[in-house]
Amino acid sequence: MPRAGKWRVRFNSDWQGYAADFGNHLGYDTTASNGPRDATPCHANVGIGSHTILVLLQDN
């Protein structure tokens, strides 16, 4: 994650509203903490279904 703080899911491509056969795997909001991981300055837990795109944004 590029910076610490609350991140909210704004788009989940697995939502069944797009197609009845989608899995509807729920993405969830998360909080990123300071501490480098995978070449980024912060890290967070993110739940994501297979073949899914999640877009998370911070409120400023």
PDB file of N, CA and C in Angstrom:
ATOM      1  N   MET A   1       0.854  -1.171   0.000  1.00  0.00           N
ATOM      2  CA  MET A   1       0.000   0.000   0.000  1.00  0.00           C
ATOM      3  C   MET A   1       0.899   1.233   0.000  1.00  0.00           C
ATOM      4  N   PRO A   2       0.494   2.271  -0.677  1.00  0.00           N
ATOM      5  CA  PRO A   2       1.347   3.453  -0.764  1.00  0.00           C
ATOM      6  C   PRO A   2       1.395   4.293   0.506  1.00  0.00           C
ATOM      7  N   ARG A   3       0.340   4.213   1.362  1.00  0.00           N
ATOM      8  CA  ARG A   3       0.379   4.962   2.622  1.00  0.00           C
ATOM      9  C   ARG A   3      -0.570   4.332   3.645  1.00  0.00           C
ATOM     10  N   ALA A   4      -0.297   4.639   4.916  1.00  0.00           N
ATOM     11  CA  ALA A   4      -1.080   4.083   6.017  1.00  0.00           C
ATOM     12  C   ALA A   4      -2.461   4.729   6.079  1.00  0.00           C
ATOM     13  N   GLY A   5      -3.376   4.059   6.765  1.00  0.00           N
ATOM     14  CA  GLY A   5      -4.711   4.593   6.998  1.00  0.00           C
ATOM     15  C   GLY A   5      -5.804   3.698   6.442  1.00  0.00           C
ATOM     16  N   LYS A   6      -7.032   4.179   6.540  1.00  0.00           N
ATOM     17  CA  LYS A   6      -8.220   3.444   6.102  1.00  0.00           C
ATOM     18  C   LYS A   6      -8.342   3.463   4.584  1.00  0.00           C
ATOM     19  N   TRP A   7      -8.581   2.291   4.000  1.00  0.00           N
ATOM     20  CA  TRP A   7      -8.809   2.140   2.562  1.00  0.00           C
ATOM     21  C   TRP A   7     -10.179   1.502   2.373  1.00  0.00           C
ATOM     22  N   ARG A   8     -10.983   2.066   1.479  1.00  0.00           N
ATOM     23  CA  ARG A   8     -12.348   1.577   1.251  1.00  0.00           C
ATOM     24  C   ARG A   8     -12.479   0.963  -0.145  1.00  0.00           C
ATOM     25  N   VAL A   9     -13.210  -0.149  -0.217  1.00  0.00           N
ATOM     26  CA  VAL A   9     -13.484  -0.782  -1.514  1.00  0.00           C
ATOM     27  C   VAL A   9     -14.478   0.097  -2.265  1.00  0.00           C
ATOM     28  N   ARG A  10     -14.098   0.504  -3.472  1.00  0.00           N
ATOM     29  CA  ARG A  10     -14.963   1.338  -4.314  1.00  0.00           C
ATOM     30  C   ARG A  10     -15.489   0.575  -5.522  1.00  0.00           C
ATOM     31  N   PHE A  11     -14.824  -0.516  -5.884  1.00  0.00           N
ATOM     32  CA  PHE A  11     -15.255  -1.324  -7.029  1.00  0.00           C
ATOM     33  C   PHE A  11     -14.849  -2.762  -6.781  1.00  0.00           C
ATOM     34  N   ASN A  12     -15.780  -3.698  -7.013  1.00  0.00           N
ATOM     35  CA  ASN A  12     -15.522  -5.131  -6.903  1.00  0.00           C
ATOM     36  C   ASN A  12     -16.094  -5.781  -8.156  1.00  0.00           C
ATOM     37  N   SER A  13     -15.230  -6.248  -9.049  1.00  0.00           N
ATOM     38  CA  SER A  13     -15.684  -6.807 -10.330  1.00  0.00           C
ATOM     39  C   SER A  13     -16.400  -8.142 -10.179  1.00  0.00           C
ATOM     40  N   ASP A  14     -16.376  -8.751  -8.985  1.00  0.00           N
ATOM     41  CA  ASP A  14     -17.019 -10.041  -8.762  1.00  0.00           C
ATOM     42  C   ASP A  14     -18.460  -9.901  -8.259  1.00  0.00           C
ATOM     43  N   TRP A  15     -18.974  -8.676  -8.176  1.00  0.00           N
ATOM     44  CA  TRP A  15     -20.334  -8.431  -7.696  1.00  0.00           C
ATOM     45  C   TRP A  15     -21.350  -9.097  -8.620  1.00  0.00           C
ATOM     46  N   GLN A  16     -22.325  -9.809  -8.057  1.00  0.00           N
ATOM     47  CA  GLN A  16     -23.331 -10.511  -8.863  1.00  0.00           C
ATOM     48  C   GLN A  16     -24.273  -9.564  -9.585  1.00  0.00           C
ATOM     49  N   GLY A  17     -24.271  -8.288  -9.255  1.00  0.00           N
ATOM     50  CA  GLY A  17     -25.058  -7.311  -9.998  1.00  0.00           C
ATOM     51  C   GLY A  17     -24.586  -7.164 -11.434  1.00  0.00           C
ATOM     52  N   TYR A  18     -23.338  -7.535 -11.698  1.00  0.00           N
ATOM     53  CA  TYR A  18     -22.810  -7.478 -13.064  1.00  0.00           C
ATOM     54  C   TYR A  18     -23.205  -8.705 -13.869  1.00  0.00           C
ATOM     55  N   ALA A  19     -23.260  -9.866 -13.234  1.00  0.00           N
ATOM     56  CA  ALA A  19     -23.658 -11.110 -13.903  1.00  0.00           C
ATOM     57  C   ALA A  19     -24.066 -12.122 -12.840  1.00  0.00           C
ATOM     58  N   ALA A  20     -25.141 -12.841 -13.096  1.00  0.00           N
ATOM     59  CA  ALA A  20     -25.676 -13.788 -12.114  1.00  0.00           C
ATOM     60  C   ALA A  20     -24.704 -14.911 -11.779  1.00  0.00           C
ATOM     61  N   ASP A  21     -23.804 -15.251 -12.704  1.00  0.00           N
ATOM     62  CA  ASP A  21     -22.880 -16.357 -12.454  1.00  0.00           C
ATOM     63  C   ASP A  21     -21.576 -15.910 -11.783  1.00  0.00           C
ATOM     64  N   PHE A  22     -21.449 -14.633 -11.433  1.00  0.00           N
ATOM     65  CA  PHE A  22     -20.264 -14.178 -10.705  1.00  0.00           C
ATOM     66  C   PHE A  22     -20.321 -14.708  -9.274  1.00  0.00           C
ATOM     67  N   GLY A  23     -19.169 -14.880  -8.661  1.00  0.00           N
ATOM     68  CA  GLY A  23     -19.074 -15.490  -7.336  1.00  0.00           C
ATOM     69  C   GLY A  23     -19.534 -14.623  -6.184  1.00  0.00           C
ATOM     70  N   ASN A  24     -19.572 -13.307  -6.368  1.00  0.00           N
ATOM     71  CA  ASN A  24     -19.980 -12.368  -5.326  1.00  0.00           C
ATOM     72  C   ASN A  24     -19.085 -12.455  -4.087  1.00  0.00           C
ATOM     73  N   HIS A  25     -17.792 -12.747  -4.293  1.00  0.00           N
ATOM     74  CA  HIS A  25     -16.837 -12.768  -3.181  1.00  0.00           C
ATOM     75  C   HIS A  25     -16.715 -11.349  -2.652  1.00  0.00           C
ATOM     76  N   LEU A  26     -16.969 -11.167  -1.385  1.00  0.00           N
ATOM     77  CA  LEU A  26     -16.977  -9.831  -0.807  1.00  0.00           C
ATOM     78  C   LEU A  26     -15.564  -9.310  -0.586  1.00  0.00           C
ATOM     79  N   GLY A  27     -15.274  -8.171  -1.160  1.00  0.00           N
ATOM     80  CA  GLY A  27     -14.074  -7.432  -0.799  1.00  0.00           C
ATOM     81  C   GLY A  27     -14.424  -6.604   0.421  1.00  0.00           C
ATOM     82  N   TYR A  28     -13.451  -6.228   1.206  1.00  0.00           N
ATOM     83  CA  TYR A  28     -13.757  -5.473   2.416  1.00  0.00           C
ATOM     84  C   TYR A  28     -12.790  -4.313   2.591  1.00  0.00           C
ATOM     85  N   ASP A  29     -13.252  -3.292   3.309  1.00  0.00           N
ATOM     86  CA  ASP A  29     -12.391  -2.171   3.653  1.00  0.00           C
ATOM     87  C   ASP A  29     -11.269  -2.680   4.551  1.00  0.00           C
ATOM     88  N   THR A  30     -10.154  -1.969   4.550  1.00  0.00           N
ATOM     89  CA  THR A  30      -9.005  -2.400   5.334  1.00  0.00           C
ATOM     90  C   THR A  30      -8.256  -1.181   5.856  1.00  0.00           C
ATOM     91  N   THR A  31      -7.359  -1.406   6.776  1.00  0.00           N
ATOM     92  CA  THR A  31      -6.510  -0.345   7.310  1.00  0.00           C
ATOM     93  C   THR A  31      -5.059  -0.733   7.084  1.00  0.00           C
ATOM     94  N   ALA A  32      -4.339   0.098   6.364  1.00  0.00           N
ATOM     95  CA  ALA A  32      -2.920  -0.145   6.092  1.00  0.00           C
ATOM     96  C   ALA A  32      -2.086   0.374   7.257  1.00  0.00           C
ATOM     97  N   SER A  33      -1.048  -0.371   7.583  1.00  0.00           N
ATOM     98  CA  SER A  33      -0.133  -0.010   8.664  1.00  0.00           C
ATOM     99  C   SER A  33       1.232   0.322   8.099  1.00  0.00           C
ATOM    100  N   ASN A  34       1.966   1.179   8.802  1.00  0.00           N
ATOM    101  CA  ASN A  34       3.340   1.481   8.407  1.00  0.00           C
ATOM    102  C   ASN A  34       4.193   0.237   8.528  1.00  0.00           C
ATOM    103  N   GLY A  35       5.148   0.115   7.665  1.00  0.00           N
ATOM    104  CA  GLY A  35       6.058  -1.023   7.651  1.00  0.00           C
ATOM    105  C   GLY A  35       6.147  -1.568   6.246  1.00  0.00           C
ATOM    106  N   PRO A  36       7.331  -1.546   5.671  1.00  0.00           N
ATOM    107  CA  PRO A  36       7.474  -1.952   4.274  1.00  0.00           C
ATOM    108  C   PRO A  36       7.159  -3.424   4.039  1.00  0.00           C
ATOM    109  N   ARG A  37       6.580  -3.673   2.875  1.00  0.00           N
ATOM    110  CA  ARG A  37       6.336  -5.036   2.424  1.00  0.00           C
ATOM    111  C   ARG A  37       6.216  -5.008   0.912  1.00  0.00           C
ATOM    112  N   ASP A  38       6.904  -5.914   0.245  1.00  0.00           N
ATOM    113  CA  ASP A  38       6.840  -6.040  -1.218  1.00  0.00           C
ATOM    114  C   ASP A  38       7.102  -4.714  -1.926  1.00  0.00           C
ATOM    115  N   ALA A  39       8.126  -4.022  -1.501  1.00  0.00           N
ATOM    116  CA  ALA A  39       8.597  -2.774  -2.126  1.00  0.00           C
ATOM    117  C   ALA A  39       7.605  -1.618  -2.008  1.00  0.00           C
ATOM    118  N   THR A  40       6.702  -1.668  -1.029  1.00  0.00           N
ATOM    119  CA  THR A  40       5.805  -0.549  -0.743  1.00  0.00           C
ATOM    120  C   THR A  40       5.989  -0.141   0.718  1.00  0.00           C
ATOM    121  N   PRO A  41       5.689   1.118   1.070  1.00  0.00           N
ATOM    122  CA  PRO A  41       5.980   1.592   2.419  1.00  0.00           C
ATOM    123  C   PRO A  41       5.028   1.088   3.507  1.00  0.00           C
ATOM    124  N   CYS A  42       3.858   0.556   3.130  1.00  0.00           N
ATOM    125  CA  CYS A  42       2.865   0.107   4.113  1.00  0.00           C
ATOM    126  C   CYS A  42       2.272  -1.228   3.670  1.00  0.00           C
ATOM    127  N   HIS A  43       1.530  -1.858   4.577  1.00  0.00           N
ATOM    128  CA  HIS A  43       0.919  -3.150   4.255  1.00  0.00           C
ATOM    129  C   HIS A  43      -0.477  -3.243   4.872  1.00  0.00           C
ATOM    130  N   ALA A  44      -1.315  -4.137   4.306  1.00  0.00           N
ATOM    131  CA  ALA A  44      -2.686  -4.337   4.790  1.00  0.00           C
ATOM    132  C   ALA A  44      -3.176  -5.713   4.360  1.00  0.00           C
ATOM    133  N   ASN A  45      -4.182  -6.224   5.060  1.00  0.00           N
ATOM    134  CA  ASN A  45      -4.858  -7.452   4.650  1.00  0.00           C
ATOM    135  C   ASN A  45      -5.962  -7.091   3.666  1.00  0.00           C
ATOM    136  N   VAL A  46      -6.026  -7.838   2.564  1.00  0.00           N
ATOM    137  CA  VAL A  46      -7.033  -7.592   1.533  1.00  0.00           C
ATOM    138  C   VAL A  46      -7.634  -8.933   1.132  1.00  0.00           C
ATOM    139  N   GLY A  47      -8.967  -9.035   1.165  1.00  0.00           N
ATOM    140  CA  GLY A  47      -9.649 -10.241   0.710  1.00  0.00           C
ATOM    141  C   GLY A  47     -10.107 -10.045  -0.723  1.00  0.00           C
ATOM    142  N   ILE A  48      -9.750 -10.989  -1.592  1.00  0.00           N
ATOM    143  CA  ILE A  48     -10.097 -10.837  -3.006  1.00  0.00           C
ATOM    144  C   ILE A  48     -10.369 -12.214  -3.608  1.00  0.00           C
ATOM    145  N   GLY A  49     -11.436 -12.307  -4.395  1.00  0.00           N
ATOM    146  CA  GLY A  49     -11.777 -13.558  -5.059  1.00  0.00           C
ATOM    147  C   GLY A  49     -10.919 -13.787  -6.297  1.00  0.00           C
ATOM    148  N   SER A  50     -10.926 -15.021  -6.786  1.00  0.00           N
ATOM    149  CA  SER A  50     -10.168 -15.319  -8.000  1.00  0.00           C
ATOM    150  C   SER A  50     -10.771 -14.576  -9.190  1.00  0.00           C
ATOM    151  N   HIS A  51      -9.948 -14.182 -10.121  1.00  0.00           N
ATOM    152  CA  HIS A  51     -10.368 -13.458 -11.333  1.00  0.00           C
ATOM    153  C   HIS A  51     -11.135 -12.172 -10.996  1.00  0.00           C
ATOM    154  N   THR A  52     -10.748 -11.503  -9.926  1.00  0.00           N
ATOM    155  CA  THR A  52     -11.456 -10.316  -9.435  1.00  0.00           C
ATOM    156  C   THR A  52     -10.542  -9.106  -9.438  1.00  0.00           C
ATOM    157  N   ILE A  53     -11.120  -7.961  -9.721  1.00  0.00           N
ATOM    158  CA  ILE A  53     -10.423  -6.685  -9.582  1.00  0.00           C
ATOM    159  C   ILE A  53     -11.094  -5.921  -8.449  1.00  0.00           C
ATOM    160  N   LEU A  54     -10.302  -5.487  -7.479  1.00  0.00           N
ATOM    161  CA  LEU A  54     -10.785  -4.598  -6.422  1.00  0.00           C
ATOM    162  C   LEU A  54     -10.106  -3.257  -6.593  1.00  0.00           C
ATOM    163  N   VAL A  55     -10.860  -2.194  -6.432  1.00  0.00           N
ATOM    164  CA  VAL A  55     -10.291  -0.847  -6.399  1.00  0.00           C
ATOM    165  C   VAL A  55     -10.535  -0.310  -4.996  1.00  0.00           C
ATOM    166  N   LEU A  56      -9.444   0.018  -4.300  1.00  0.00           N
ATOM    167  CA  LEU A  56      -9.527   0.602  -2.966  1.00  0.00           C
ATOM    168  C   LEU A  56      -8.997   2.028  -3.024  1.00  0.00           C
ATOM    169  N   LEU A  57      -9.698   2.944  -2.358  1.00  0.00           N
ATOM    170  CA  LEU A  57      -9.297   4.349  -2.324  1.00  0.00           C
ATOM    171  C   LEU A  57      -9.330   4.855  -0.895  1.00  0.00           C
ATOM    172  N   GLN A  58      -8.531   5.878  -0.637  1.00  0.00           N
ATOM    173  CA  GLN A  58      -8.569   6.556   0.653  1.00  0.00           C
ATOM    174  C   GLN A  58      -9.393   7.824   0.540  1.00  0.00           C
ATOM    175  N   ASP A  59     -10.162   8.118   1.589  1.00  0.00           N
ATOM    176  CA  ASP A  59     -10.858   9.400   1.671  1.00  0.00           C
ATOM    177  C   ASP A  59      -9.840  10.442   2.099  1.00  0.00           C
ATOM    178  N   ASN A  60      -9.843  11.560   1.449  1.00  0.00           N
ATOM    179  CA  ASN A  60      -8.902  12.628   1.828  1.00  0.00           C
ATOM    180  C   ASN A  60      -9.655  13.812   2.352  1.00  0.00           C
TER     181      ASN A  60
END
